[in-house]
PDB file of N, CA and C in Angstrom:
ATOM      1  N   MET A   1      -1.754 -29.358  19.720  1.00  0.00           N
ATOM      2  CA  MET A   1      -1.854 -27.925  19.787  1.00  0.00           C
ATOM      3  C   MET A   1      -3.310 -27.535  19.994  1.00  0.00           C
ATOM      4  N   SER A   2      -3.501 -26.500  20.755  1.00  0.00           N
ATOM      5  CA  SER A   2      -4.876 -26.084  20.997  1.00  0.00           C
ATOM      6  C   SER A   2      -5.453 -25.404  19.747  1.00  0.00           C
ATOM      7  N   GLU A   3      -6.744 -25.352  19.738  1.00  0.00           N
ATOM      8  CA  GLU A   3      -7.435 -24.784  18.589  1.00  0.00           C
ATOM      9  C   GLU A   3      -7.107 -23.298  18.408  1.00  0.00           C
ATOM     10  N   LEU A   4      -7.008 -22.558  19.512  1.00  0.00           N
ATOM     11  CA  LEU A   4      -6.673 -21.141  19.451  1.00  0.00           C
ATOM     12  C   LEU A   4      -5.279 -20.933  18.862  1.00  0.00           C
ATOM     13  N   THR A   5      -4.340 -21.749  19.252  1.00  0.00           N
ATOM     14  CA  THR A   5      -2.983 -21.643  18.731  1.00  0.00           C
ATOM     15  C   THR A   5      -2.950 -21.905  17.235  1.00  0.00           C
ATOM     16  N   GLU A   6      -3.726 -22.873  16.778  1.00  0.00           N
ATOM     17  CA  GLU A   6      -3.780 -23.156  15.348  1.00  0.00           C
ATOM     18  C   GLU A   6      -4.334 -21.966  14.573  1.00  0.00           C
ATOM     19  N   TYR A   7      -5.350 -21.321  15.100  1.00  0.00           N
ATOM     20  CA  TYR A   7      -5.902 -20.135  14.440  1.00  0.00           C
ATOM     21  C   TYR A   7      -4.888 -18.996  14.417  1.00  0.00           C
ATOM     22  N   LEU A   8      -4.192 -18.801  15.524  1.00  0.00           N
ATOM     23  CA  LEU A   8      -3.193 -17.738  15.579  1.00  0.00           C
ATOM     24  C   LEU A   8      -2.054 -17.985  14.595  1.00  0.00           C
ATOM     25  N   VAL A   9      -1.632 -19.224  14.456  1.00  0.00           N
ATOM     26  CA  VAL A   9      -0.580 -19.560  13.503  1.00  0.00           C
ATOM     27  C   VAL A   9      -1.061 -19.306  12.074  1.00  0.00           C
ATOM     28  N   ALA A  10      -2.298 -19.682  11.792  1.00  0.00           N
ATOM     29  CA  ALA A  10      -2.845 -19.446  10.451  1.00  0.00           C
ATOM     30  C   ALA A  10      -2.915 -17.953  10.142  1.00  0.00           C
ATOM     31  N   ILE A  11      -3.309 -17.162  11.113  1.00  0.00           N
ATOM     32  CA  ILE A  11      -3.368 -15.713  10.914  1.00  0.00           C
ATOM     33  C   ILE A  11      -1.966 -15.149  10.724  1.00  0.00           C
ATOM     34  N   ALA A  12      -1.014 -15.613  11.513  1.00  0.00           N
ATOM     35  CA  ALA A  12       0.362 -15.131  11.389  1.00  0.00           C
ATOM     36  C   ALA A  12       0.957 -15.472  10.036  1.00  0.00           C
ATOM     37  N   ILE A  13       0.611 -16.622   9.500  1.00  0.00           N
ATOM     38  CA  ILE A  13       1.157 -17.034   8.208  1.00  0.00           C
ATOM     39  C   ILE A  13       0.502 -16.243   7.070  1.00  0.00           C
ATOM     40  N   CYS A  14      -0.782 -15.967   7.170  1.00  0.00           N
ATOM     41  CA  CYS A  14      -1.506 -15.297   6.080  1.00  0.00           C
ATOM     42  C   CYS A  14      -1.425 -13.776   6.123  1.00  0.00           C
ATOM     43  N   SER A  15      -1.077 -13.196   7.245  1.00  0.00           N
ATOM     44  CA  SER A  15      -1.133 -11.741   7.364  1.00  0.00           C
ATOM     45  C   SER A  15      -0.195 -11.002   6.402  1.00  0.00           C
ATOM     46  N   PRO A  16       1.042 -11.433   6.151  1.00  0.00           N
ATOM     47  CA  PRO A  16       1.852 -10.688   5.181  1.00  0.00           C
ATOM     48  C   PRO A  16       1.236 -10.669   3.789  1.00  0.00           C
ATOM     49  N   LEU A  17       0.653 -11.773   3.391  1.00  0.00           N
ATOM     50  CA  LEU A  17       0.022 -11.840   2.080  1.00  0.00           C
ATOM     51  C   LEU A  17      -1.199 -10.927   2.012  1.00  0.00           C
ATOM     52  N   VAL A  18      -1.994 -10.897   3.048  1.00  0.00           N
ATOM     53  CA  VAL A  18      -3.173 -10.031   3.078  1.00  0.00           C
ATOM     54  C   VAL A  18      -2.751  -8.565   3.031  1.00  0.00           C
ATOM     55  N   PHE A  19      -1.743  -8.194   3.823  1.00  0.00           N
ATOM     56  CA  PHE A  19      -1.255  -6.814   3.799  1.00  0.00           C
ATOM     57  C   PHE A  19      -0.725  -6.448   2.411  1.00  0.00           C
ATOM     58  N   PHE A  20      -0.022  -7.369   1.767  1.00  0.00           N
ATOM     59  CA  PHE A  20       0.513  -7.105   0.442  1.00  0.00           C
ATOM     60  C   PHE A  20      -0.607  -6.915  -0.585  1.00  0.00           C
ATOM     61  N   ILE A  21      -1.638  -7.736  -0.517  1.00  0.00           N
ATOM     62  CA  ILE A  21      -2.759  -7.621  -1.457  1.00  0.00           C
ATOM     63  C   ILE A  21      -3.482  -6.291  -1.270  1.00  0.00           C
ATOM     64  N   VAL A  22      -3.675  -5.878  -0.024  1.00  0.00           N
ATOM     65  CA  VAL A  22      -4.314  -4.585   0.240  1.00  0.00           C
ATOM     66  C   VAL A  22      -3.428  -3.447  -0.274  1.00  0.00           C
ATOM     67  N   ALA A  23      -2.108  -3.575  -0.094  1.00  0.00           N
ATOM     68  CA  ALA A  23      -1.185  -2.548  -0.594  1.00  0.00           C
ATOM     69  C   ALA A  23      -1.252  -2.443  -2.114  1.00  0.00           C
ATOM     70  N   VAL A  24      -1.333  -3.565  -2.799  1.00  0.00           N
ATOM     71  CA  VAL A  24      -1.447  -3.546  -4.258  1.00  0.00           C
ATOM     72  C   VAL A  24      -2.757  -2.886  -4.680  1.00  0.00           C
ATOM     73  N   ALA A  25      -3.819  -3.142  -3.960  1.00  0.00           N
ATOM     74  CA  ALA A  25      -5.104  -2.515  -4.281  1.00  0.00           C
ATOM     75  C   ALA A  25      -5.011  -0.995  -4.152  1.00  0.00           C
ATOM     76  N   PHE A  26      -4.350  -0.512  -3.101  1.00  0.00           N
ATOM     77  CA  PHE A  26      -4.202   0.932  -2.943  1.00  0.00           C
ATOM     78  C   PHE A  26      -3.275   1.512  -4.004  1.00  0.00           C
ATOM     79  N   ARG A  27      -2.285   0.754  -4.436  1.00  0.00           N
ATOM     80  CA  ARG A  27      -1.408   1.234  -5.510  1.00  0.00           C
ATOM     81  C   ARG A  27      -2.184   1.358  -6.812  1.00  0.00           C
ATOM     82  N   LEU A  28      -3.102   0.435  -7.049  1.00  0.00           N
ATOM     83  CA  LEU A  28      -3.921   0.519  -8.253  1.00  0.00           C
ATOM     84  C   LEU A  28      -4.901   1.693  -8.190  1.00  0.00           C
ATOM     85  N   LEU A  29      -5.328   2.060  -6.998  1.00  0.00           N
ATOM     86  CA  LEU A  29      -6.221   3.210  -6.854  1.00  0.00           C
ATOM     87  C   LEU A  29      -5.482   4.539  -7.027  1.00  0.00           C
ATOM     88  N   ASP A  30      -4.164   4.523  -6.816  1.00  0.00           N
ATOM     89  CA  ASP A  30      -3.352   5.726  -6.993  1.00  0.00           C
ATOM     90  C   ASP A  30      -3.093   5.906  -8.492  1.00  0.00           C
ATOM     91  N   ASN A  31      -3.904   6.713  -9.120  1.00  0.00           N
ATOM     92  CA  ASN A  31      -3.783   6.928 -10.558  1.00  0.00           C
ATOM     93  C   ASN A  31      -3.283   8.336 -10.849  1.00  0.00           C
ATOM     94  N   SER A  32      -2.239   8.763 -10.153  1.00  0.00           N
ATOM     95  CA  SER A  32      -1.766  10.136 -10.263  1.00  0.00           C
ATOM     96  C   SER A  32      -1.254  10.463 -11.660  1.00  0.00           C
ATOM     97  N   ALA A  33      -0.594   9.519 -12.334  1.00  0.00           N
ATOM     98  CA  ALA A  33      -0.104   9.795 -13.689  1.00  0.00           C
ATOM     99  C   ALA A  33      -1.271  10.039 -14.635  1.00  0.00           C
ATOM    100  N   SER A  34      -2.317   9.274 -14.484  1.00  0.00           N
ATOM    101  CA  SER A  34      -3.507   9.471 -15.319  1.00  0.00           C
ATOM    102  C   SER A  34      -4.163  10.823 -15.043  1.00  0.00           C
ATOM    103  N   ILE A  35      -4.184  11.235 -13.791  1.00  0.00           N
ATOM    104  CA  ILE A  35      -4.760  12.534 -13.437  1.00  0.00           C
ATOM    105  C   ILE A  35      -3.962  13.651 -14.092  1.00  0.00           C
ATOM    106  N   PHE A  36      -2.621  13.536 -14.039  1.00  0.00           N
ATOM    107  CA  PHE A  36      -1.781  14.542 -14.679  1.00  0.00           C
ATOM    108  C   PHE A  36      -2.022  14.590 -16.186  1.00  0.00           C
ATOM    109  N   LEU A  37      -2.062  13.421 -16.821  1.00  0.00           N
ATOM    110  CA  LEU A  37      -2.251  13.379 -18.273  1.00  0.00           C
ATOM    111  C   LEU A  37      -3.635  13.873 -18.684  1.00  0.00           C
ATOM    112  N   ASN A  38      -4.647  13.587 -17.891  1.00  0.00           N
ATOM    113  CA  ASN A  38      -5.996  14.075 -18.204  1.00  0.00           C
ATOM    114  C   ASN A  38      -6.090  15.591 -18.117  1.00  0.00           C
ATOM    115  N   ASN A  39      -5.229  16.206 -17.325  1.00  0.00           N
ATOM    116  CA  ASN A  39      -5.213  17.660 -17.187  1.00  0.00           C
ATOM    117  C   ASN A  39      -4.095  18.294 -18.009  1.00  0.00           C
ATOM    118  N   GLU A  40      -3.596  17.558 -18.993  1.00  0.00           N
ATOM    119  CA  GLU A  40      -2.581  18.026 -19.932  1.00  0.00           C
ATOM    120  C   GLU A  40      -1.294  18.465 -19.254  1.00  0.00           C
ATOM    121  N   ILE A  41      -0.901  17.739 -18.221  1.00  0.00           N
ATOM    122  CA  ILE A  41       0.376  17.955 -17.549  1.00  0.00           C
ATOM    123  C   ILE A  41       1.235  16.739 -17.884  1.00  0.00           C
ATOM    124  N   LEU A  42       2.331  16.962 -18.587  1.00  0.00           N
ATOM    125  CA  LEU A  42       3.177  15.854 -19.022  1.00  0.00           C
ATOM    126  C   LEU A  42       4.049  15.355 -17.873  1.00  0.00           C
ATOM    127  N   VAL A  43       4.163  14.041 -17.765  1.00  0.00           N
ATOM    128  CA  VAL A  43       5.006  13.406 -16.761  1.00  0.00           C
ATOM    129  C   VAL A  43       5.957  12.451 -17.456  1.00  0.00           C
ATOM    130  N   ASP A  44       7.101  12.184 -16.818  1.00  0.00           N
ATOM    131  CA  ASP A  44       8.124  11.333 -17.417  1.00  0.00           C
ATOM    132  C   ASP A  44       7.790   9.850 -17.346  1.00  0.00           C
ATOM    133  N   SER A  45       7.189   9.421 -16.241  1.00  0.00           N
ATOM    134  CA  SER A  45       6.913   7.993 -16.072  1.00  0.00           C
ATOM    135  C   SER A  45       5.529   7.802 -15.468  1.00  0.00           C
ATOM    136  N   SER A  46       5.153   6.538 -15.357  1.00  0.00           N
ATOM    137  CA  SER A  46       3.842   6.252 -14.769  1.00  0.00           C
ATOM    138  C   SER A  46       3.859   6.391 -13.250  1.00  0.00           C
ATOM    139  N   TYR A  47       5.053   6.431 -12.649  1.00  0.00           N
ATOM    140  CA  TYR A  47       5.163   6.623 -11.203  1.00  0.00           C
ATOM    141  C   TYR A  47       5.545   8.071 -10.939  1.00  0.00           C
ATOM    142  N   VAL A  48       4.598   8.848 -10.474  1.00  0.00           N
ATOM    143  CA  VAL A  48       4.820  10.262 -10.179  1.00  0.00           C
ATOM    144  C   VAL A  48       5.207  10.367  -8.713  1.00  0.00           C
ATOM    145  N   SER A  49       6.254  11.122  -8.419  1.00  0.00           N
ATOM    146  CA  SER A  49       6.722  11.227  -7.040  1.00  0.00           C
ATOM    147  C   SER A  49       5.725  12.008  -6.185  1.00  0.00           C
ATOM    148  N   GLY A  50       5.759  11.722  -4.902  1.00  0.00           N
ATOM    149  CA  GLY A  50       4.889  12.413  -3.958  1.00  0.00           C
ATOM    150  C   GLY A  50       5.205  13.893  -3.878  1.00  0.00           C
ATOM    151  N   ASP A  51       6.494  14.247  -4.028  1.00  0.00           N
ATOM    152  CA  ASP A  51       6.873  15.659  -4.000  1.00  0.00           C
ATOM    153  C   ASP A  51       6.262  16.418  -5.171  1.00  0.00           C
ATOM    154  N   LEU A  52       6.247  15.801  -6.347  1.00  0.00           N
ATOM    155  CA  LEU A  52       5.653  16.446  -7.512  1.00  0.00           C
ATOM    156  C   LEU A  52       4.140  16.611  -7.340  1.00  0.00           C
ATOM    157  N   ILE A  53       3.500  15.622  -6.736  1.00  0.00           N
ATOM    158  CA  ILE A  53       2.055  15.724  -6.486  1.00  0.00           C
ATOM    159  C   ILE A  53       1.779  16.860  -5.513  1.00  0.00           C
ATOM    160  N   ARG A  54       2.547  16.936  -4.425  1.00  0.00           N
ATOM    161  CA  ARG A  54       2.350  18.008  -3.448  1.00  0.00           C
ATOM    162  C   ARG A  54       2.603  19.384  -4.067  1.00  0.00           C
ATOM    163  N   LYS A  55       3.648  19.478  -4.892  1.00  0.00           N
ATOM    164  CA  LYS A  55       3.964  20.741  -5.547  1.00  0.00           C
ATOM    165  C   LYS A  55       2.828  21.166  -6.477  1.00  0.00           C
ATOM    166  N   GLN A  56       2.256  20.211  -7.189  1.00  0.00           N
ATOM    167  CA  GLN A  56       1.154  20.526  -8.101  1.00  0.00           C
ATOM    168  C   GLN A  56      -0.105  20.922  -7.327  1.00  0.00           C
ATOM    169  N   ILE A  57      -0.341  20.274  -6.181  1.00  0.00           N
ATOM    170  CA  ILE A  57      -1.496  20.640  -5.344  1.00  0.00           C
ATOM    171  C   ILE A  57      -1.365  22.088  -4.865  1.00  0.00           C
ATOM    172  N   GLU A  58      -0.153  22.470  -4.480  1.00  0.00           N
ATOM    173  CA  GLU A  58       0.060  23.836  -3.994  1.00  0.00           C
ATOM    174  C   GLU A  58      -0.036  24.880  -5.100  1.00  0.00           C
ATOM    175  N   SER A  59       0.377  24.511  -6.323  1.00  0.00           N
ATOM    176  CA  SER A  59       0.464  25.519  -7.379  1.00  0.00           C
ATOM    177  C   SER A  59      -0.784  25.646  -8.247  1.00  0.00           C
ATOM    178  N   THR A  60      -1.689  24.691  -8.186  1.00  0.00           N
ATOM    179  CA  THR A  60      -2.849  24.744  -9.082  1.00  0.00           C
ATOM    180  C   THR A  60      -4.006  25.520  -8.463  1.00  0.00           C
ATOM    181  N   GLU A  61      -4.804  26.096  -9.342  1.00  0.00           N
ATOM    182  CA  GLU A  61      -6.012  26.810  -8.925  1.00  0.00           C
ATOM    183  C   GLU A  61      -7.252  25.936  -9.086  1.00  0.00           C
ATOM    184  N   ASN A  62      -7.139  24.860  -9.848  1.00  0.00           N
ATOM    185  CA  ASN A  62      -8.251  23.966 -10.160  1.00  0.00           C
ATOM    186  C   ASN A  62      -8.597  23.120  -8.931  1.00  0.00           C
ATOM    187  N   GLU A  63      -9.768  23.343  -8.352  1.00  0.00           N
ATOM    188  CA  GLU A  63     -10.171  22.623  -7.140  1.00  0.00           C
ATOM    189  C   GLU A  63     -10.398  21.134  -7.410  1.00  0.00           C
ATOM    190  N   LYS A  64     -10.935  20.812  -8.575  1.00  0.00           N
ATOM    191  CA  LYS A  64     -11.174  19.408  -8.919  1.00  0.00           C
ATOM    192  C   LYS A  64      -9.847  18.653  -9.030  1.00  0.00           C
ATOM    193  N   LEU A  65      -8.842  19.291  -9.630  1.00  0.00           N
ATOM    194  CA  LEU A  65      -7.518  18.686  -9.739  1.00  0.00           C
ATOM    195  C   LEU A  65      -6.885  18.518  -8.363  1.00  0.00           C
ATOM    196  N   LYS A  66      -7.038  19.527  -7.507  1.00  0.00           N
ATOM    197  CA  LYS A  66      -6.504  19.435  -6.144  1.00  0.00           C
ATOM    198  C   LYS A  66      -7.112  18.251  -5.391  1.00  0.00           C
ATOM    199  N   LYS A  67      -8.421  18.098  -5.523  1.00  0.00           N
ATOM    200  CA  LYS A  67      -9.107  17.010  -4.832  1.00  0.00           C
ATOM    201  C   LYS A  67      -8.652  15.652  -5.360  1.00  0.00           C
ATOM    202  N   SER A  68      -8.536  15.532  -6.667  1.00  0.00           N
ATOM    203  CA  SER A  68      -8.094  14.263  -7.269  1.00  0.00           C
ATOM    204  C   SER A  68      -6.666  13.920  -6.863  1.00  0.00           C
ATOM    205  N   LEU A  69      -5.790  14.909  -6.884  1.00  0.00           N
ATOM    206  CA  LEU A  69      -4.402  14.658  -6.491  1.00  0.00           C
ATOM    207  C   LEU A  69      -4.283  14.378  -5.001  1.00  0.00           C
ATOM    208  N   GLY A  70      -5.124  15.026  -4.200  1.00  0.00           N
ATOM    209  CA  GLY A  70      -5.138  14.738  -2.761  1.00  0.00           C
ATOM    210  C   GLY A  70      -5.540  13.305  -2.487  1.00  0.00           C
ATOM    211  N   LYS A  71      -6.545  12.801  -3.234  1.00  0.00           N
ATOM    212  CA  LYS A  71      -6.949  11.398  -3.087  1.00  0.00           C
ATOM    213  C   LYS A  71      -5.832  10.463  -3.519  1.00  0.00           C
ATOM    214  N   ALA A  72      -5.183  10.805  -4.626  1.00  0.00           N
ATOM    215  CA  ALA A  72      -4.082   9.968  -5.116  1.00  0.00           C
ATOM    216  C   ALA A  72      -2.951   9.926  -4.095  1.00  0.00           C
ATOM    217  N   LEU A  73      -2.660  11.059  -3.483  1.00  0.00           N
ATOM    218  CA  LEU A  73      -1.607  11.107  -2.458  1.00  0.00           C
ATOM    219  C   LEU A  73      -2.004  10.298  -1.229  1.00  0.00           C
ATOM    220  N   PHE A  74      -3.280  10.342  -0.861  1.00  0.00           N
ATOM    221  CA  PHE A  74      -3.774   9.552   0.264  1.00  0.00           C
ATOM    222  C   PHE A  74      -3.635   8.056  -0.027  1.00  0.00           C
ATOM    223  N   PHE A  75      -4.010   7.629  -1.239  1.00  0.00           N
ATOM    224  CA  PHE A  75      -3.856   6.223  -1.616  1.00  0.00           C
ATOM    225  C   PHE A  75      -2.390   5.821  -1.642  1.00  0.00           C
ATOM    226  N   ARG A  76      -1.521   6.723  -2.058  1.00  0.00           N
ATOM    227  CA  ARG A  76      -0.081   6.428  -2.067  1.00  0.00           C
ATOM    228  C   ARG A  76       0.417   6.190  -0.650  1.00  0.00           C
ATOM    229  N   ARG A  77      -0.037   7.022   0.285  1.00  0.00           N
ATOM    230  CA  ARG A  77       0.375   6.847   1.682  1.00  0.00           C
ATOM    231  C   ARG A  77      -0.160   5.536   2.264  1.00  0.00           C
ATOM    232  N   LEU A  78      -1.399   5.192   1.932  1.00  0.00           N
ATOM    233  CA  LEU A  78      -1.946   3.912   2.395  1.00  0.00           C
ATOM    234  C   LEU A  78      -1.184   2.736   1.782  1.00  0.00           C
ATOM    235  N   HIS A  79      -0.802   2.863   0.522  1.00  0.00           N
ATOM    236  CA  HIS A  79       0.008   1.826  -0.118  1.00  0.00           C
ATOM    237  C   HIS A  79       1.313   1.633   0.644  1.00  0.00           C
ATOM    238  N   ASN A  80       1.990   2.740   0.953  1.00  0.00           N
ATOM    239  CA  ASN A  80       3.256   2.649   1.688  1.00  0.00           C
ATOM    240  C   ASN A  80       3.051   2.043   3.077  1.00  0.00           C
ATOM    241  N   LEU A  81       1.974   2.431   3.761  1.00  0.00           N
ATOM    242  CA  LEU A  81       1.688   1.901   5.089  1.00  0.00           C
ATOM    243  C   LEU A  81       1.504   0.389   5.046  1.00  0.00           C
ATOM    244  N   PHE A  82       0.695  -0.097   4.106  1.00  0.00           N
ATOM    245  CA  PHE A  82       0.439  -1.532   4.050  1.00  0.00           C
ATOM    246  C   PHE A  82       1.657  -2.323   3.567  1.00  0.00           C
ATOM    247  N   MET A  83       2.518  -1.707   2.755  1.00  0.00           N
ATOM    248  CA  MET A  83       3.761  -2.381   2.386  1.00  0.00           C
ATOM    249  C   MET A  83       4.671  -2.532   3.608  1.00  0.00           C
ATOM    250  N   VAL A  84       4.724  -1.497   4.441  1.00  0.00           N
ATOM    251  CA  VAL A  84       5.516  -1.584   5.676  1.00  0.00           C
ATOM    252  C   VAL A  84       4.934  -2.648   6.598  1.00  0.00           C
ATOM    253  N   LEU A  85       3.609  -2.687   6.714  1.00  0.00           N
ATOM    254  CA  LEU A  85       2.984  -3.717   7.549  1.00  0.00           C
ATOM    255  C   LEU A  85       3.268  -5.120   7.018  1.00  0.00           C
ATOM    256  N   ALA A  86       3.287  -5.281   5.703  1.00  0.00           N
ATOM    257  CA  ALA A  86       3.598  -6.588   5.120  1.00  0.00           C
ATOM    258  C   ALA A  86       5.023  -7.006   5.451  1.00  0.00           C
ATOM    259  N   VAL A  87       5.946  -6.068   5.372  1.00  0.00           N
ATOM    260  CA  VAL A  87       7.346  -6.387   5.678  1.00  0.00           C
ATOM    261  C   VAL A  87       7.520  -6.676   7.164  1.00  0.00           C
ATOM    262  N   ILE A  88       6.858  -5.897   8.012  1.00  0.00           N
ATOM    263  CA  ILE A  88       6.969  -6.106   9.463  1.00  0.00           C
ATOM    264  C   ILE A  88       6.349  -7.435   9.880  1.00  0.00           C
ATOM    265  N   SER A  89       5.273  -7.846   9.224  1.00  0.00           N
ATOM    266  CA  SER A  89       4.604  -9.088   9.627  1.00  0.00           C
ATOM    267  C   SER A  89       5.251 -10.334   9.031  1.00  0.00           C
ATOM    268  N   LEU A  90       6.235 -10.166   8.175  1.00  0.00           N
ATOM    269  CA  LEU A  90       6.895 -11.326   7.577  1.00  0.00           C
ATOM    270  C   LEU A  90       7.741 -12.132   8.573  1.00  0.00           C
ATOM    271  N   PRO A  91       8.578 -11.514   9.416  1.00  0.00           N
ATOM    272  CA  PRO A  91       9.335 -12.319  10.383  1.00  0.00           C
ATOM    273  C   PRO A  91       8.475 -13.135  11.347  1.00  0.00           C
ATOM    274  N   PRO A  92       7.389 -12.574  11.925  1.00  0.00           N
ATOM    275  CA  PRO A  92       6.547 -13.431  12.767  1.00  0.00           C
ATOM    276  C   PRO A  92       5.930 -14.604  11.997  1.00  0.00           C
ATOM    277  N   ALA A  93       5.637 -14.399  10.719  1.00  0.00           N
ATOM    278  CA  ALA A  93       5.089 -15.490   9.917  1.00  0.00           C
ATOM    279  C   ALA A  93       6.117 -16.595   9.727  1.00  0.00           C
ATOM    280  N   ILE A  94       7.355 -16.207   9.489  1.00  0.00           N
ATOM    281  CA  ILE A  94       8.424 -17.204   9.326  1.00  0.00           C
ATOM    282  C   ILE A  94       8.656 -17.945  10.636  1.00  0.00           C
ATOM    283  N   ILE A  95       8.666 -17.214  11.743  1.00  0.00           N
ATOM    284  CA  ILE A  95       8.839 -17.845  13.054  1.00  0.00           C
ATOM    285  C   ILE A  95       7.679 -18.793  13.338  1.00  0.00           C
ATOM    286  N   ALA A  96       6.468 -18.381  12.989  1.00  0.00           N
ATOM    287  CA  ALA A  96       5.297 -19.246  13.204  1.00  0.00           C
ATOM    288  C   ALA A  96       5.414 -20.525  12.389  1.00  0.00           C
ATOM    289  N   CYS A  97       5.924 -20.431  11.166  1.00  0.00           N
ATOM    290  CA  CYS A  97       6.115 -21.640  10.342  1.00  0.00           C
ATOM    291  C   CYS A  97       7.096 -22.603  10.998  1.00  0.00           C
ATOM    292  N   PHE A  98       8.194 -22.059  11.510  1.00  0.00           N
ATOM    293  CA  PHE A  98       9.171 -22.923  12.172  1.00  0.00           C
ATOM    294  C   PHE A  98       8.609 -23.536  13.449  1.00  0.00           C
ATOM    295  N   LEU A  99       7.857 -22.758  14.214  1.00  0.00           N
ATOM    296  CA  LEU A  99       7.279 -23.294  15.440  1.00  0.00           C
ATOM    297  C   LEU A  99       6.272 -24.402  15.140  1.00  0.00           C
ATOM    298  N   VAL A 100       5.499 -24.228  14.109  1.00  0.00           N
ATOM    299  CA  VAL A 100       4.523 -25.264  13.742  1.00  0.00           C
ATOM    300  C   VAL A 100       5.243 -26.537  13.324  1.00  0.00           C
ATOM    301  N   SER A 101       6.336 -26.410  12.580  1.00  0.00           N
ATOM    302  CA  SER A 101       7.051 -27.604  12.121  1.00  0.00           C
ATOM    303  C   SER A 101       7.739 -28.316  13.286  1.00  0.00           C
ATOM    304  N   PHE A 102       8.223 -27.551  14.291  1.00  0.00           N
ATOM    305  CA  PHE A 102       8.868 -28.200  15.437  1.00  0.00           C
ATOM    306  C   PHE A 102       7.868 -28.808  16.408  1.00  0.00           C
ATOM    307  N   ILE A 103       6.700 -28.180  16.563  1.00  0.00           N
ATOM    308  CA  ILE A 103       5.703 -28.677  17.509  1.00  0.00           C
ATOM    309  C   ILE A 103       4.998 -29.907  16.952  1.00  0.00           C
ATOM    310  N   SER A 104       4.764 -29.943  15.656  1.00  0.00           N
ATOM    311  CA  SER A 104       4.034 -31.071  15.077  1.00  0.00           C
ATOM    312  C   SER A 104       4.807 -32.321  15.030  1.00  0.00           C
TER     313      SER A 104
END
């Protein structure tokens, strides 16, 4: 196998894991429940829905709270994006594993 093909196979195999790790990092940055609790807004669970965050952004007058919740919502969207990328990149990684085993 050529050197370029080996690098491409390695990237294909590692990409789902990298996307997943980045998604977990963005999920950890999304601290919306903590933001709500710090502003004395009670929530049922540690996972606050995006609809509740948007509703609170629209209804609050506190600019600092709006900015914090906007950042949390942005991190939530990035988390979802990278989770989708991890799932989409999984089939090519599996195919690359099979191709490497058949070619070798």
